[in-house]
mmCIF file of all heavy atoms, coordinates in Angstrom:
data_MODEL
# 
_entry.id   MODEL 
# 
loop_
_atom_site.group_PDB 
_atom_site.id 
_atom_site.type_symbol 
_atom_site.label_atom_id 
_atom_site.label_alt_id 
_atom_site.label_comp_id 
_atom_site.label_asym_id 
_atom_site.label_entity_id 
_atom_site.label_seq_id 
_atom_site.pdbx_PDB_ins_code 
_atom_site.Cartn_x 
_atom_site.Cartn_y 
_atom_site.Cartn_z 
_atom_site.occupancy 
_atom_site.B_iso_or_equiv 
_atom_site.pdbx_formal_charge 
_atom_site.auth_seq_id 
_atom_site.auth_comp_id 
_atom_site.auth_asym_id 
_atom_site.auth_atom_id 
_atom_site.pdbx_PDB_model_num 
ATOM 1   N N   . ILE A 1 1  ? -0.451  -6.237  -2.583 1.00 0.00 ? 1  ILE A N   1 
ATOM 2   C CA  . ILE A 1 1  ? 0.969   -5.870  -2.685 1.00 0.00 ? 1  ILE A CA  1 
ATOM 3   C C   . ILE A 1 1  ? 1.135   -4.346  -2.750 1.00 0.00 ? 1  ILE A C   1 
ATOM 4   O O   . ILE A 1 1  ? 2.080   -3.785  -2.149 1.00 0.00 ? 1  ILE A O   1 
ATOM 5   C CB  . ILE A 1 1  ? 1.627   -6.542  -3.915 1.00 0.00 ? 1  ILE A CB  1 
ATOM 6   C CG1 . ILE A 1 1  ? 3.073   -6.845  -3.642 1.00 0.00 ? 1  ILE A CG1 1 
ATOM 7   C CG2 . ILE A 1 1  ? 1.465   -5.671  -5.186 1.00 0.00 ? 1  ILE A CG2 1 
ATOM 8   C CD1 . ILE A 1 1  ? 3.294   -7.969  -2.591 1.00 0.00 ? 1  ILE A CD1 1 
ATOM 9   N N   . LEU A 1 2  ? 0.209   -3.633  -3.398 1.00 0.00 ? 2  LEU A N   1 
ATOM 10  C CA  . LEU A 1 2  ? 0.303   -2.147  -3.452 1.00 0.00 ? 2  LEU A CA  1 
ATOM 11  C C   . LEU A 1 2  ? -0.025  -1.550  -2.046 1.00 0.00 ? 2  LEU A C   1 
ATOM 12  O O   . LEU A 1 2  ? 0.504   -0.491  -1.694 1.00 0.00 ? 2  LEU A O   1 
ATOM 13  C CB  . LEU A 1 2  ? -0.559  -1.624  -4.530 1.00 0.00 ? 2  LEU A CB  1 
ATOM 14  C CG  . LEU A 1 2  ? -0.112  -1.815  -5.949 1.00 0.00 ? 2  LEU A CG  1 
ATOM 15  C CD1 . LEU A 1 2  ? -1.033  -1.254  -6.991 1.00 0.00 ? 2  LEU A CD1 1 
ATOM 16  C CD2 . LEU A 1 2  ? 1.294   -1.160  -6.126 1.00 0.00 ? 2  LEU A CD2 1 
ATOM 17  N N   . ALA A 1 3  ? -0.930  -2.235  -1.341 1.00 0.00 ? 3  ALA A N   1 
ATOM 18  C CA  . ALA A 1 3  ? -1.234  -1.780  0.011  1.00 0.00 ? 3  ALA A CA  1 
ATOM 19  C C   . ALA A 1 3  ? -0.023  -1.855  0.883  1.00 0.00 ? 3  ALA A C   1 
ATOM 20  O O   . ALA A 1 3  ? 0.222   -1.042  1.769  1.00 0.00 ? 3  ALA A O   1 
ATOM 21  C CB  . ALA A 1 3  ? -2.405  -2.620  0.580  1.00 0.00 ? 3  ALA A CB  1 
ATOM 22  N N   . LEU A 1 4  ? 0.762   -2.922  0.707  1.00 0.00 ? 4  LEU A N   1 
ATOM 23  C CA  . LEU A 1 4  ? 2.004   -3.061  1.496  1.00 0.00 ? 4  LEU A CA  1 
ATOM 24  C C   . LEU A 1 4  ? 2.957   -1.915  1.196  1.00 0.00 ? 4  LEU A C   1 
ATOM 25  O O   . LEU A 1 4  ? 3.630   -1.390  2.055  1.00 0.00 ? 4  LEU A O   1 
ATOM 26  C CB  . LEU A 1 4  ? 2.674   -4.393  1.176  1.00 0.00 ? 4  LEU A CB  1 
ATOM 27  C CG  . LEU A 1 4  ? 2.003   -5.689  1.661  1.00 0.00 ? 4  LEU A CG  1 
ATOM 28  C CD1 . LEU A 1 4  ? 2.848   -6.885  1.211  1.00 0.00 ? 4  LEU A CD1 1 
ATOM 29  C CD2 . LEU A 1 4  ? 1.831   -5.661  3.179  1.00 0.00 ? 4  LEU A CD2 1 
ATOM 30  N N   . VAL A 1 5  ? 3.061   -1.534  -0.063 1.00 0.00 ? 5  VAL A N   1 
ATOM 31  C CA  . VAL A 1 5  ? 3.899   -0.452  -0.487 1.00 0.00 ? 5  VAL A CA  1 
ATOM 32  C C   . VAL A 1 5  ? 3.514   0.835   0.164  1.00 0.00 ? 5  VAL A C   1 
ATOM 33  O O   . VAL A 1 5  ? 4.341   1.638   0.622  1.00 0.00 ? 5  VAL A O   1 
ATOM 34  C CB  . VAL A 1 5  ? 3.931   -0.322  -2.037 1.00 0.00 ? 5  VAL A CB  1 
ATOM 35  C CG1 . VAL A 1 5  ? 4.685   0.934   -2.442 1.00 0.00 ? 5  VAL A CG1 1 
ATOM 36  C CG2 . VAL A 1 5  ? 4.539   -1.523  -2.690 1.00 0.00 ? 5  VAL A CG2 1 
ATOM 37  N N   . VAL A 1 6  ? 2.187   1.113   0.125  1.00 0.00 ? 6  VAL A N   1 
ATOM 38  C CA  . VAL A 1 6  ? 1.676   2.364   0.698  1.00 0.00 ? 6  VAL A CA  1 
ATOM 39  C C   . VAL A 1 6  ? 1.790   2.387   2.213  1.00 0.00 ? 6  VAL A C   1 
ATOM 40  O O   . VAL A 1 6  ? 1.962   3.459   2.844  1.00 0.00 ? 6  VAL A O   1 
ATOM 41  C CB  . VAL A 1 6  ? 0.189   2.617   0.252  1.00 0.00 ? 6  VAL A CB  1 
ATOM 42  C CG1 . VAL A 1 6  ? -0.345  3.909   0.842  1.00 0.00 ? 6  VAL A CG1 1 
ATOM 43  C CG2 . VAL A 1 6  ? 0.187   2.707   -1.280 1.00 0.00 ? 6  VAL A CG2 1 
ATOM 44  N N   . GLY A 1 7  ? 1.647   1.228   2.825  1.00 0.00 ? 7  GLY A N   1 
ATOM 45  C CA  . GLY A 1 7  ? 1.818   1.178   4.297  1.00 0.00 ? 7  GLY A CA  1 
ATOM 46  C C   . GLY A 1 7  ? 0.660   0.471   4.999  1.00 0.00 ? 7  GLY A C   1 
ATOM 47  O O   . GLY A 1 7  ? -0.236  1.136   5.525  1.00 0.00 ? 7  GLY A O   1 
ATOM 48  N N   . ALA A 1 8  ? 0.573   -0.832  4.955  1.00 0.00 ? 8  ALA A N   1 
ATOM 49  C CA  . ALA A 1 8  ? -0.434  -1.618  5.700  1.00 0.00 ? 8  ALA A CA  1 
ATOM 50  C C   . ALA A 1 8  ? 0.163   -2.963  6.002  1.00 0.00 ? 8  ALA A C   1 
ATOM 51  O O   . ALA A 1 8  ? 0.948   -3.518  5.206  1.00 0.00 ? 8  ALA A O   1 
ATOM 52  C CB  . ALA A 1 8  ? -1.696  -1.725  4.868  1.00 0.00 ? 8  ALA A CB  1 
ATOM 53  N N   . SER A 1 9  ? -0.147  -3.529  7.099  1.00 0.00 ? 9  SER A N   1 
ATOM 54  C CA  . SER A 1 9  ? 0.331   -4.844  7.408  1.00 0.00 ? 9  SER A CA  1 
ATOM 55  C C   . SER A 1 9  ? -0.334  -5.926  6.511  1.00 0.00 ? 9  SER A C   1 
ATOM 56  O O   . SER A 1 9  ? -1.335  -5.642  5.835  1.00 0.00 ? 9  SER A O   1 
ATOM 57  C CB  . SER A 1 9  ? -0.083  -5.232  8.886  1.00 0.00 ? 9  SER A CB  1 
ATOM 58  O OG  . SER A 1 9  ? -1.493  -5.380  9.015  1.00 0.00 ? 9  SER A OG  1 
ATOM 59  N N   . ARG A 1 10 ? 0.336   -7.073  6.354  1.00 0.00 ? 10 ARG A N   1 
ATOM 60  C CA  . ARG A 1 10 ? -0.171  -8.071  5.445  1.00 0.00 ? 10 ARG A CA  1 
ATOM 61  C C   . ARG A 1 10 ? -1.596  -8.504  5.780  1.00 0.00 ? 10 ARG A C   1 
ATOM 62  O O   . ARG A 1 10 ? -2.468  -8.621  4.909  1.00 0.00 ? 10 ARG A O   1 
ATOM 63  C CB  . ARG A 1 10 ? 0.762   -9.317  5.509  1.00 0.00 ? 10 ARG A CB  1 
ATOM 64  C CG  . ARG A 1 10 ? 2.117   -9.064  4.879  1.00 0.00 ? 10 ARG A CG  1 
ATOM 65  C CD  . ARG A 1 10 ? 3.009   -10.314 4.865  1.00 0.00 ? 10 ARG A CD  1 
ATOM 66  N NE  . ARG A 1 10 ? 4.348   -9.993  4.516  1.00 0.00 ? 10 ARG A NE  1 
ATOM 67  C CZ  . ARG A 1 10 ? 5.252   -9.520  5.313  1.00 0.00 ? 10 ARG A CZ  1 
ATOM 68  N NH1 . ARG A 1 10 ? 4.935   -9.361  6.618  1.00 0.00 ? 10 ARG A NH1 1 
ATOM 69  N NH2 . ARG A 1 10 ? 6.512   -9.245  4.911  1.00 0.00 ? 10 ARG A NH2 1 
ATOM 70  N N   . PHE A 1 11 ? -1.846  -8.714  7.048  1.00 0.00 ? 11 PHE A N   1 
ATOM 71  C CA  . PHE A 1 11 ? -3.210  -9.176  7.423  1.00 0.00 ? 11 PHE A CA  1 
ATOM 72  C C   . PHE A 1 11 ? -4.245  -8.077  7.115  1.00 0.00 ? 11 PHE A C   1 
ATOM 73  O O   . PHE A 1 11 ? -5.319  -8.456  6.516  1.00 0.00 ? 11 PHE A O   1 
ATOM 74  C CB  . PHE A 1 11 ? -3.271  -9.543  8.910  1.00 0.00 ? 11 PHE A CB  1 
ATOM 75  C CG  . PHE A 1 11 ? -4.638  -10.028 9.340  1.00 0.00 ? 11 PHE A CG  1 
ATOM 76  C CD1 . PHE A 1 11 ? -5.032  -11.344 9.054  1.00 0.00 ? 11 PHE A CD1 1 
ATOM 77  C CD2 . PHE A 1 11 ? -5.471  -9.209  10.006 1.00 0.00 ? 11 PHE A CD2 1 
ATOM 78  C CE1 . PHE A 1 11 ? -6.313  -11.747 9.426  1.00 0.00 ? 11 PHE A CE1 1 
ATOM 79  C CE2 . PHE A 1 11 ? -6.732  -9.632  10.412 1.00 0.00 ? 11 PHE A CE2 1 
ATOM 80  C CZ  . PHE A 1 11 ? -7.113  -10.930 10.083 1.00 0.00 ? 11 PHE A CZ  1 
ATOM 81  N N   . ARG A 1 12 ? -3.978  -6.823  7.510  1.00 0.00 ? 12 ARG A N   1 
ATOM 82  C CA  . ARG A 1 12 ? -4.978  -5.791  7.337  1.00 0.00 ? 12 ARG A CA  1 
ATOM 83  C C   . ARG A 1 12 ? -5.141  -5.480  5.791  1.00 0.00 ? 12 ARG A C   1 
ATOM 84  O O   . ARG A 1 12 ? -6.266  -5.244  5.343  1.00 0.00 ? 12 ARG A O   1 
ATOM 85  C CB  . ARG A 1 12 ? -4.571  -4.497  8.050  1.00 0.00 ? 12 ARG A CB  1 
ATOM 86  C CG  . ARG A 1 12 ? -4.655  -4.600  9.508  1.00 0.00 ? 12 ARG A CG  1 
ATOM 87  C CD  . ARG A 1 12 ? -6.015  -4.965  10.019 1.00 0.00 ? 12 ARG A CD  1 
ATOM 88  N NE  . ARG A 1 12 ? -6.110  -5.218  11.462 1.00 0.00 ? 12 ARG A NE  1 
ATOM 89  C CZ  . ARG A 1 12 ? -7.037  -5.960  12.053 1.00 0.00 ? 12 ARG A CZ  1 
ATOM 90  N NH1 . ARG A 1 12 ? -7.981  -6.527  11.319 1.00 0.00 ? 12 ARG A NH1 1 
ATOM 91  N NH2 . ARG A 1 12 ? -6.985  -6.110  13.312 1.00 0.00 ? 12 ARG A NH2 1 
ATOM 92  N N   . ALA A 1 13 ? -4.040  -5.582  5.070  1.00 0.00 ? 13 ALA A N   1 
ATOM 93  C CA  . ALA A 1 13 ? -4.140  -5.351  3.599  1.00 0.00 ? 13 ALA A CA  1 
ATOM 94  C C   . ALA A 1 13 ? -4.990  -6.476  2.960  1.00 0.00 ? 13 ALA A C   1 
ATOM 95  O O   . ALA A 1 13 ? -5.803  -6.149  2.123  1.00 0.00 ? 13 ALA A O   1 
ATOM 96  C CB  . ALA A 1 13 ? -2.709  -5.363  3.025  1.00 0.00 ? 13 ALA A CB  1 
ATOM 97  N N   . THR A 1 14 ? -4.738  -7.660  3.389  1.00 0.00 ? 14 THR A N   1 
ATOM 98  C CA  . THR A 1 14 ? -5.512  -8.781  2.877  1.00 0.00 ? 14 THR A CA  1 
ATOM 99  C C   . THR A 1 14 ? -6.969  -8.707  3.265  1.00 0.00 ? 14 THR A C   1 
ATOM 100 O O   . THR A 1 14 ? -7.870  -8.858  2.395  1.00 0.00 ? 14 THR A O   1 
ATOM 101 C CB  . THR A 1 14 ? -4.954  -10.145 3.387  1.00 0.00 ? 14 THR A CB  1 
ATOM 102 O OG1 . THR A 1 14 ? -3.568  -10.247 3.039  1.00 0.00 ? 14 THR A OG1 1 
ATOM 103 C CG2 . THR A 1 14 ? -5.707  -11.301 2.807  1.00 0.00 ? 14 THR A CG2 1 
ATOM 104 N N   . GLU A 1 15 ? -7.299  -8.425  4.497  1.00 0.00 ? 15 GLU A N   1 
ATOM 105 C CA  . GLU A 1 15 ? -8.610  -8.326  5.008  1.00 0.00 ? 15 GLU A CA  1 
ATOM 106 C C   . GLU A 1 15 ? -9.375  -7.176  4.257  1.00 0.00 ? 15 GLU A C   1 
ATOM 107 O O   . GLU A 1 15 ? -10.511 -7.351  3.810  1.00 0.00 ? 15 GLU A O   1 
ATOM 108 C CB  . GLU A 1 15 ? -8.642  -8.042  6.511  1.00 0.00 ? 15 GLU A CB  1 
ATOM 109 C CG  . GLU A 1 15 ? -10.024 -7.935  7.061  1.00 0.00 ? 15 GLU A CG  1 
ATOM 110 C CD  . GLU A 1 15 ? -9.987  -7.518  8.541  1.00 0.00 ? 15 GLU A CD  1 
ATOM 111 O OE1 . GLU A 1 15 ? -9.503  -6.363  8.822  1.00 0.00 ? 15 GLU A OE1 1 
ATOM 112 O OE2 . GLU A 1 15 ? -10.530 -8.270  9.376  1.00 0.00 ? 15 GLU A OE2 1 
ATOM 113 N N   . PHE A 1 16 ? -8.738  -6.008  4.139  1.00 0.00 ? 16 PHE A N   1 
ATOM 114 C CA  . PHE A 1 16 ? -9.436  -4.870  3.502  1.00 0.00 ? 16 PHE A CA  1 
ATOM 115 C C   . PHE A 1 16 ? -9.646  -5.158  1.998  1.00 0.00 ? 16 PHE A C   1 
ATOM 116 O O   . PHE A 1 16 ? -10.665 -4.782  1.465  1.00 0.00 ? 16 PHE A O   1 
ATOM 117 C CB  . PHE A 1 16 ? -8.612  -3.597  3.695  1.00 0.00 ? 16 PHE A CB  1 
ATOM 118 C CG  . PHE A 1 16 ? -9.368  -2.343  3.270  1.00 0.00 ? 16 PHE A CG  1 
ATOM 119 C CD1 . PHE A 1 16 ? -10.325 -1.796  4.095  1.00 0.00 ? 16 PHE A CD1 1 
ATOM 120 C CD2 . PHE A 1 16 ? -9.152  -1.750  2.036  1.00 0.00 ? 16 PHE A CD2 1 
ATOM 121 C CE1 . PHE A 1 16 ? -11.033 -0.640  3.675  1.00 0.00 ? 16 PHE A CE1 1 
ATOM 122 C CE2 . PHE A 1 16 ? -9.829  -0.644  1.627  1.00 0.00 ? 16 PHE A CE2 1 
ATOM 123 C CZ  . PHE A 1 16 ? -10.775 -0.118  2.413  1.00 0.00 ? 16 PHE A CZ  1 
ATOM 124 N N   . SER A 1 17 ? -8.635  -5.804  1.379  1.00 0.00 ? 17 SER A N   1 
ATOM 125 C CA  . SER A 1 17 ? -8.785  -6.188  0.010  1.00 0.00 ? 17 SER A CA  1 
ATOM 126 C C   . SER A 1 17 ? -9.999  -7.023  -0.200 1.00 0.00 ? 17 SER A C   1 
ATOM 127 O O   . SER A 1 17 ? -10.771 -6.880  -1.163 1.00 0.00 ? 17 SER A O   1 
ATOM 128 C CB  . SER A 1 17 ? -7.522  -6.859  -0.471 1.00 0.00 ? 17 SER A CB  1 
ATOM 129 O OG  . SER A 1 17 ? -7.703  -7.507  -1.729 1.00 0.00 ? 17 SER A OG  1 
ATOM 130 N N   . PHE A 1 18 ? -10.190 -7.993  0.698  1.00 0.00 ? 18 PHE A N   1 
ATOM 131 C CA  . PHE A 1 18 ? -11.367 -8.894  0.542  1.00 0.00 ? 18 PHE A CA  1 
ATOM 132 C C   . PHE A 1 18 ? -12.649 -8.158  0.840  1.00 0.00 ? 18 PHE A C   1 
ATOM 133 O O   . PHE A 1 18 ? -13.632 -8.414  0.152  1.00 0.00 ? 18 PHE A O   1 
ATOM 134 C CB  . PHE A 1 18 ? -11.197 -10.039 1.576  1.00 0.00 ? 18 PHE A CB  1 
ATOM 135 C CG  . PHE A 1 18 ? -10.079 -11.056 1.164  1.00 0.00 ? 18 PHE A CG  1 
ATOM 136 C CD1 . PHE A 1 18 ? -9.363  -10.815 0.039  1.00 0.00 ? 18 PHE A CD1 1 
ATOM 137 C CD2 . PHE A 1 18 ? -9.860  -12.152 1.933  1.00 0.00 ? 18 PHE A CD2 1 
ATOM 138 C CE1 . PHE A 1 18 ? -8.392  -11.716 -0.329 1.00 0.00 ? 18 PHE A CE1 1 
ATOM 139 C CE2 . PHE A 1 18 ? -8.844  -13.057 1.612  1.00 0.00 ? 18 PHE A CE2 1 
ATOM 140 C CZ  . PHE A 1 18 ? -8.069  -12.859 0.473  1.00 0.00 ? 18 PHE A CZ  1 
ATOM 141 N N   . LEU A 1 19 ? -12.666 -7.277  1.779  1.00 0.00 ? 19 LEU A N   1 
ATOM 142 C CA  . LEU A 1 19 ? -13.878 -6.524  2.150  1.00 0.00 ? 19 LEU A CA  1 
ATOM 143 C C   . LEU A 1 19 ? -14.272 -5.627  0.989  1.00 0.00 ? 19 LEU A C   1 
ATOM 144 O O   . LEU A 1 19 ? -15.486 -5.539  0.676  1.00 0.00 ? 19 LEU A O   1 
ATOM 145 C CB  . LEU A 1 19 ? -13.645 -5.682  3.400  1.00 0.00 ? 19 LEU A CB  1 
ATOM 146 C CG  . LEU A 1 19 ? -13.560 -6.355  4.764  1.00 0.00 ? 19 LEU A CG  1 
ATOM 147 C CD1 . LEU A 1 19 ? -13.186 -5.442  5.807  1.00 0.00 ? 19 LEU A CD1 1 
ATOM 148 C CD2 . LEU A 1 19 ? -14.886 -7.090  5.076  1.00 0.00 ? 19 LEU A CD2 1 
ATOM 149 N N   . VAL A 1 20 ? -13.340 -5.028  0.315  1.00 0.00 ? 20 VAL A N   1 
ATOM 150 C CA  . VAL A 1 20 ? -13.677 -4.208  -0.862 1.00 0.00 ? 20 VAL A CA  1 
ATOM 151 C C   . VAL A 1 20 ? -14.015 -5.086  -2.095 1.00 0.00 ? 20 VAL A C   1 
ATOM 152 O O   . VAL A 1 20 ? -14.885 -4.748  -2.866 1.00 0.00 ? 20 VAL A O   1 
ATOM 153 C CB  . VAL A 1 20 ? -12.505 -3.269  -1.227 1.00 0.00 ? 20 VAL A CB  1 
ATOM 154 C CG1 . VAL A 1 20 ? -12.747 -2.539  -2.510 1.00 0.00 ? 20 VAL A CG1 1 
ATOM 155 C CG2 . VAL A 1 20 ? -12.230 -2.317  -0.065 1.00 0.00 ? 20 VAL A CG2 1 
ATOM 156 N N   . GLY A 1 21 ? -13.356 -6.261  -2.109 1.00 0.00 ? 21 GLY A N   1 
ATOM 157 C CA  . GLY A 1 21 ? -13.569 -7.175  -3.223 1.00 0.00 ? 21 GLY A CA  1 
ATOM 158 C C   . GLY A 1 21 ? -14.992 -7.761  -3.254 1.00 0.00 ? 21 GLY A C   1 
ATOM 159 O O   . GLY A 1 21 ? -15.513 -8.003  -4.311 1.00 0.00 ? 21 GLY A O   1 
ATOM 160 N N   . ILE A 1 22 ? -15.566 -7.934  -2.068 1.00 0.00 ? 22 ILE A N   1 
ATOM 161 C CA  . ILE A 1 22 ? -16.933 -8.547  -2.037 1.00 0.00 ? 22 ILE A CA  1 
ATOM 162 C C   . ILE A 1 22 ? -17.967 -7.720  -2.835 1.00 0.00 ? 22 ILE A C   1 
ATOM 163 O O   . ILE A 1 22 ? -18.534 -8.186  -3.757 1.00 0.00 ? 22 ILE A O   1 
ATOM 164 C CB  . ILE A 1 22 ? -17.355 -8.804  -0.588 1.00 0.00 ? 22 ILE A CB  1 
ATOM 165 C CG1 . ILE A 1 22 ? -16.545 -9.891  0.017  1.00 0.00 ? 22 ILE A CG1 1 
ATOM 166 C CG2 . ILE A 1 22 ? -18.861 -9.155  -0.499 1.00 0.00 ? 22 ILE A CG2 1 
ATOM 167 C CD1 . ILE A 1 22 ? -16.701 -10.122 1.496  1.00 0.00 ? 22 ILE A CD1 1 
ATOM 168 N N   . PRO A 1 23 ? -18.175 -6.392  -2.449 1.00 0.00 ? 23 PRO A N   1 
ATOM 169 C CA  . PRO A 1 23 ? -19.111 -5.621  -3.277 1.00 0.00 ? 23 PRO A CA  1 
ATOM 170 C C   . PRO A 1 23 ? -18.640 -5.359  -4.667 1.00 0.00 ? 23 PRO A C   1 
ATOM 171 O O   . PRO A 1 23 ? -19.473 -5.315  -5.587 1.00 0.00 ? 23 PRO A O   1 
ATOM 172 C CB  . PRO A 1 23 ? -19.193 -4.276  -2.469 1.00 0.00 ? 23 PRO A CB  1 
ATOM 173 C CG  . PRO A 1 23 ? -17.947 -4.171  -1.731 1.00 0.00 ? 23 PRO A CG  1 
ATOM 174 C CD  . PRO A 1 23 ? -17.559 -5.634  -1.349 1.00 0.00 ? 23 PRO A CD  1 
ATOM 175 N N   . THR A 1 24 ? -17.313 -5.273  -4.852 1.00 0.00 ? 24 THR A N   1 
ATOM 176 C CA  . THR A 1 24 ? -16.773 -4.985  -6.234 1.00 0.00 ? 24 THR A CA  1 
ATOM 177 C C   . THR A 1 24 ? -17.093 -6.206  -7.125 1.00 0.00 ? 24 THR A C   1 
ATOM 178 O O   . THR A 1 24 ? -17.644 -5.980  -8.255 1.00 0.00 ? 24 THR A O   1 
ATOM 179 C CB  . THR A 1 24 ? -15.277 -4.795  -6.210 1.00 0.00 ? 24 THR A CB  1 
ATOM 180 O OG1 . THR A 1 24 ? -14.993 -3.633  -5.336 1.00 0.00 ? 24 THR A OG1 1 
ATOM 181 C CG2 . THR A 1 24 ? -14.736 -4.544  -7.604 1.00 0.00 ? 24 THR A CG2 1 
ATOM 182 N N   . MET A 1 25 ? -16.806 -7.427  -6.713 1.00 0.00 ? 25 MET A N   1 
ATOM 183 C CA  . MET A 1 25 ? -16.984 -8.565  -7.544 1.00 0.00 ? 25 MET A CA  1 
ATOM 184 C C   . MET A 1 25 ? -18.479 -8.873  -7.692 1.00 0.00 ? 25 MET A C   1 
ATOM 185 O O   . MET A 1 25 ? -18.918 -9.307  -8.813 1.00 0.00 ? 25 MET A O   1 
ATOM 186 C CB  . MET A 1 25 ? -16.251 -9.741  -6.995 1.00 0.00 ? 25 MET A CB  1 
ATOM 187 C CG  . MET A 1 25 ? -14.756 -9.545  -6.871 1.00 0.00 ? 25 MET A CG  1 
ATOM 188 S SD  . MET A 1 25 ? -13.989 -8.887  -8.364 1.00 0.00 ? 25 MET A SD  1 
ATOM 189 C CE  . MET A 1 25 ? -14.362 -10.221 -9.558 1.00 0.00 ? 25 MET A CE  1 
ATOM 190 N N   . LEU A 1 26 ? -19.287 -8.649  -6.691 1.00 0.00 ? 26 LEU A N   1 
ATOM 191 C CA  . LEU A 1 26 ? -20.718 -8.945  -6.787 1.00 0.00 ? 26 LEU A CA  1 
ATOM 192 C C   . LEU A 1 26 ? -21.362 -7.932  -7.782 1.00 0.00 ? 26 LEU A C   1 
ATOM 193 O O   . LEU A 1 26 ? -22.226 -8.316  -8.567 1.00 0.00 ? 26 LEU A O   1 
ATOM 194 C CB  . LEU A 1 26 ? -21.355 -8.861  -5.438 1.00 0.00 ? 26 LEU A CB  1 
ATOM 195 C CG  . LEU A 1 26 ? -21.087 -10.002 -4.482 1.00 0.00 ? 26 LEU A CG  1 
ATOM 196 C CD1 . LEU A 1 26 ? -21.825 -9.806  -3.167 1.00 0.00 ? 26 LEU A CD1 1 
ATOM 197 C CD2 . LEU A 1 26 ? -21.462 -11.347 -5.067 1.00 0.00 ? 26 LEU A CD2 1 
# 
């Protein structure tokens, strides 16, 4: 949701969130 505010499409924001989330959560 903050990525949308800053300026990113829903799909790219979701995809990048997941890509960052993988190393973060592991």
